[in-house]
C-alpha atoms as a PDB file:
ATOM      1  CA  GLN A   1       0.386   0.169  -0.159  1.00  0.00           C
ATOM      2  CA  VAL A   2       1.412   3.250  -1.395  1.00  0.00           C
ATOM      3  CA  HIS A   3      -0.209   6.583   1.139  1.00  0.00           C
ATOM      4  CA  LEU A   4       0.047   9.972  -0.547  1.00  0.00           C
ATOM      5  CA  VAL A   5      -0.260  13.004   1.142  1.00  0.00           C
ATOM      6  CA  GLU A   6      -0.880  16.369  -0.737  1.00  0.00           C
ATOM      7  CA  SER A   7      -0.064  20.075   0.977  1.00  0.00           C
ATOM      8  CA  GLY A   8       0.508  22.873  -1.195  1.00  0.00           C
ATOM      9  CA  GLY A   9      -3.216  24.193  -2.020  1.00  0.00           C
ATOM     10  CA  GLY A  10      -4.185  28.442  -1.078  1.00  0.00           C
ATOM     11  CA  SER A  11      -6.051  30.981  -2.351  1.00  0.00           C
ATOM     12  CA  VAL A  12      -4.422  33.382  -5.007  1.00  0.00           C
ATOM     13  CA  GLN A  13      -5.034  36.091  -7.414  1.00  0.00           C
ATOM     14  CA  ALA A  14      -5.470  35.456 -10.995  1.00  0.00           C
ATOM     15  CA  GLY A  15      -1.553  35.607 -12.301  1.00  0.00           C
ATOM     16  CA  GLY A  16      -0.043  33.850  -9.365  1.00  0.00           C
ATOM     17  CA  SER A  17       1.708  30.509  -8.734  1.00  0.00           C
ATOM     18  CA  LEU A  18       1.921  27.530  -5.926  1.00  0.00           C
ATOM     19  CA  ARG A  19       3.874  24.888  -5.429  1.00  0.00           C
ATOM     20  CA  LEU A  20       2.278  22.068  -4.132  1.00  0.00           C
ATOM     21  CA  SER A  21       3.814  19.189  -2.285  1.00  0.00           C
ATOM     22  CA  CYS A  22       2.667  15.221  -2.804  1.00  0.00           C
ATOM     23  CA  ALA A  23       4.768  12.852  -0.551  1.00  0.00           C
ATOM     24  CA  ALA A  24       4.420   8.929  -0.543  1.00  0.00           C
ATOM     25  CA  SER A  25       4.991   6.341   2.219  1.00  0.00           C
ATOM     26  CA  GLY A  26       4.670   2.844   2.636  1.00  0.00           C
ATOM     27  CA  TYR A  27       5.446   1.128  -0.527  1.00  0.00           C
ATOM     28  CA  THR A  28       7.513   3.308  -2.203  1.00  0.00           C
ATOM     29  CA  ALA A  29      10.154   1.065  -4.421  1.00  0.00           C
ATOM     30  CA  THR A  30       6.460  -0.175  -6.588  1.00  0.00           C
ATOM     31  CA  VAL A  31       5.520   3.384  -7.221  1.00  0.00           C
ATOM     32  CA  ASP A  32       7.670   4.464 -11.152  1.00  0.00           C
ATOM     33  CA  CYS A  33       5.114   6.895 -12.111  1.00  0.00           C
ATOM     34  CA  MET A  34       3.128   9.826  -9.657  1.00  0.00           C
ATOM     35  CA  GLY A  35       0.559  12.799 -11.010  1.00  0.00           C
ATOM     36  CA  TRP A  36      -1.480  15.294 -10.754  1.00  0.00           C
ATOM     37  CA  PHE A  37      -4.804  15.708 -10.946  1.00  0.00           C
ATOM     38  CA  ARG A  38      -7.580  17.922 -10.630  1.00  0.00           C
ATOM     39  CA  GLU A  39     -11.492  18.487 -10.093  1.00  0.00           C
ATOM     40  CA  ALA A  40     -13.387  21.246 -10.647  1.00  0.00           C
ATOM     41  CA  PRO A  41     -16.655  21.838 -10.249  1.00  0.00           C
ATOM     42  CA  GLY A  42     -18.587  20.185 -12.431  1.00  0.00           C
ATOM     43  CA  LYS A  43     -16.472  18.697 -14.947  1.00  0.00           C
ATOM     44  CA  GLU A  44     -14.968  15.762 -14.636  1.00  0.00           C
ATOM     45  CA  ARG A  45     -11.683  15.163 -13.158  1.00  0.00           C
ATOM     46  CA  GLU A  46      -8.466  15.791 -15.023  1.00  0.00           C
ATOM     47  CA  GLY A  47      -5.179  15.040 -15.697  1.00  0.00           C
ATOM     48  CA  LEU A  48      -2.945  17.806 -15.138  1.00  0.00           C
ATOM     49  CA  ALA A  49       0.749  15.795 -15.124  1.00  0.00           C
ATOM     50  CA  THR A  50       2.827  13.103 -14.641  1.00  0.00           C
ATOM     51  CA  ILE A  51       6.541  12.181 -13.977  1.00  0.00           C
ATOM     52  CA  TYR A  52       8.264   9.099 -14.832  1.00  0.00           C
ATOM     53  CA  THR A  53      10.157   8.712 -11.163  1.00  0.00           C
ATOM     54  CA  ASN A  54      12.478   6.188 -13.686  1.00  0.00           C
ATOM     55  CA  ASP A  55      14.310   9.092 -16.337  1.00  0.00           C
ATOM     56  CA  ALA A  56      11.999  11.606 -15.588  1.00  0.00           C
ATOM     57  CA  HIS A  57       9.914  11.493 -17.956  1.00  0.00           C
ATOM     58  CA  THR A  58       6.916  14.045 -18.414  1.00  0.00           C
ATOM     59  CA  ALA A  59       3.728  14.511 -19.426  1.00  0.00           C
ATOM     60  CA  TYR A  60       1.546  17.262 -19.477  1.00  0.00           C
ATOM     61  CA  ALA A  61      -2.291  17.855 -20.421  1.00  0.00           C
ATOM     62  CA  ASP A  62      -3.134  21.191 -22.838  1.00  0.00           C
ATOM     63  CA  SER A  63      -4.739  23.115 -20.263  1.00  0.00           C
ATOM     64  CA  VAL A  64      -1.280  23.384 -18.147  1.00  0.00           C
ATOM     65  CA  LYS A  65       1.488  22.809 -20.719  1.00  0.00           C
ATOM     66  CA  GLY A  66       4.083  25.820 -20.269  1.00  0.00           C
ATOM     67  CA  ARG A  67       2.063  26.743 -16.982  1.00  0.00           C
ATOM     68  CA  PHE A  68       2.782  23.942 -14.548  1.00  0.00           C
ATOM     69  CA  THR A  69       5.649  21.614 -14.016  1.00  0.00           C
ATOM     70  CA  ILE A  70       5.704  18.794 -11.912  1.00  0.00           C
ATOM     71  CA  THR A  71       8.877  17.433 -10.446  1.00  0.00           C
ATOM     72  CA  TYR A  72      10.198  14.939  -7.829  1.00  0.00           C
ATOM     73  CA  ASP A  73      12.772  15.324  -4.737  1.00  0.00           C
ATOM     74  CA  ASP A  74      15.842  12.767  -6.230  1.00  0.00           C
ATOM     75  CA  ALA A  75      17.704  12.539  -3.086  1.00  0.00           C
ATOM     76  CA  SER A  76      14.108  10.418  -1.398  1.00  0.00           C
ATOM     77  CA  HIS A  77      11.724   9.541  -4.958  1.00  0.00           C
ATOM     78  CA  THR A  78       8.680   9.467  -2.815  1.00  0.00           C
ATOM     79  CA  THR A  79       8.107  13.819  -3.444  1.00  0.00           C
ATOM     80  CA  VAL A  80       6.180  14.653  -6.380  1.00  0.00           C
ATOM     81  CA  TYR A  81       6.026  18.595  -6.958  1.00  0.00           C
ATOM     82  CA  LEU A  82       3.770  20.466  -9.086  1.00  0.00           C
ATOM     83  CA  GLN A  83       4.875  24.521  -9.495  1.00  0.00           C
ATOM     84  CA  MET A  84       2.174  26.367 -11.030  1.00  0.00           C
ATOM     85  CA  ASN A  85       2.349  30.287 -12.799  1.00  0.00           C
ATOM     86  CA  SER A  86       0.043  32.097 -14.489  1.00  0.00           C
ATOM     87  CA  LEU A  87      -2.767  30.555 -12.562  1.00  0.00           C
ATOM     88  CA  LYS A  88      -6.182  31.118 -13.603  1.00  0.00           C
ATOM     89  CA  PRO A  89      -9.770  31.055 -12.178  1.00  0.00           C
ATOM     90  CA  ASP A  90     -10.182  27.855 -14.691  1.00  0.00           C
ATOM     91  CA  ASP A  91      -7.491  26.385 -12.634  1.00  0.00           C
ATOM     92  CA  THR A  92      -9.790  26.210  -9.218  1.00  0.00           C
ATOM     93  CA  GLY A  93     -10.015  23.211  -8.299  1.00  0.00           C
ATOM     94  CA  MET A  94      -9.464  20.068  -5.813  1.00  0.00           C
ATOM     95  CA  TYR A  95      -5.798  18.577  -7.195  1.00  0.00           C
ATOM     96  CA  PHE A  96      -5.075  15.551  -6.120  1.00  0.00           C
ATOM     97  CA  CYS A  97      -2.007  13.691  -6.435  1.00  0.00           C
ATOM     98  CA  ALA A  98      -1.893   9.859  -7.461  1.00  0.00           C
ATOM     99  CA  ALA A  99       0.482   7.324  -8.632  1.00  0.00           C
ATOM    100  CA  GLY A 100       1.561   3.729 -10.286  1.00  0.00           C
ATOM    101  CA  GLY A 101       3.622   1.393 -11.150  1.00  0.00           C
ATOM    102  CA  MET A 102       3.182   1.070 -14.686  1.00  0.00           C
ATOM    103  CA  PRO A 103       5.707   1.077 -18.229  1.00  0.00           C
ATOM    104  CA  MET A 104       7.041   4.721 -18.912  1.00  0.00           C
ATOM    105  CA  SER A 105       4.684   4.250 -22.352  1.00  0.00           C
ATOM    106  CA  ALA A 106       1.555   3.865 -20.059  1.00  0.00           C
ATOM    107  CA  CYS A 107       2.095   6.812 -17.564  1.00  0.00           C
ATOM    108  CA  GLY A 108       0.284   9.541 -18.971  1.00  0.00           C
ATOM    109  CA  THR A 109      -2.521  12.540 -17.645  1.00  0.00           C
ATOM    110  CA  SER A 110      -4.904   9.762 -18.659  1.00  0.00           C
ATOM    111  CA  SER A 111      -3.337   6.592 -16.908  1.00  0.00           C
ATOM    112  CA  GLY A 112      -5.491   4.780 -14.419  1.00  0.00           C
ATOM    113  CA  MET A 113      -4.129   5.327 -10.937  1.00  0.00           C
ATOM    114  CA  PRO A 114      -4.169   2.676  -7.907  1.00  0.00           C
ATOM    115  CA  TYR A 115      -2.702   5.120  -5.025  1.00  0.00           C
ATOM    116  CA  TRP A 116      -4.953   8.846  -4.124  1.00  0.00           C
ATOM    117  CA  GLY A 117      -4.105  11.537  -2.413  1.00  0.00           C
ATOM    118  CA  LYS A 118      -7.195  13.161  -0.388  1.00  0.00           C
ATOM    119  CA  GLY A 119      -6.808  15.833  -2.173  1.00  0.00           C
ATOM    120  CA  THR A 120      -5.521  19.952  -1.507  1.00  0.00           C
ATOM    121  CA  LEU A 121      -7.680  23.017  -2.792  1.00  0.00           C
ATOM    122  CA  VAL A 122      -6.204  25.841  -5.013  1.00  0.00           C
ATOM    123  CA  THR A 123      -8.933  28.816  -4.839  1.00  0.00           C
ATOM    124  CA  ILE A 124      -8.067  31.316  -8.279  1.00  0.00           C
ATOM    125  CA  SER A 125     -10.031  34.876  -8.043  1.00  0.00           C
ATOM    126  CA  SER A 126      -9.620  37.426 -10.936  1.00  0.00           C
END
């Protein structure tokens, strides 16, 4: 079992930045794909960014490409970050960290992940 805990959410004005963190614990050796997903009011869950921890290969949704950056802690390999810049009101939502073990070719924003955190709320005001 892998336990994920998100942090870093909050309220900022449009154009601002936030950095989300996701700390993984448990059987983390079984995980090599980690990502961030968003649930906005009235919308389906959207995959935003994923990273394959073995080689740092990343994938992004078009809606966040060029504004969001996913990275992971090289030392611990158990913490993943999402740097969010140029935030827009449409970025408002609950942000979830997710993880799973899979080949790199399967690690992407539409991947099914077995492990999920409880989420952190991001609110962007205009």
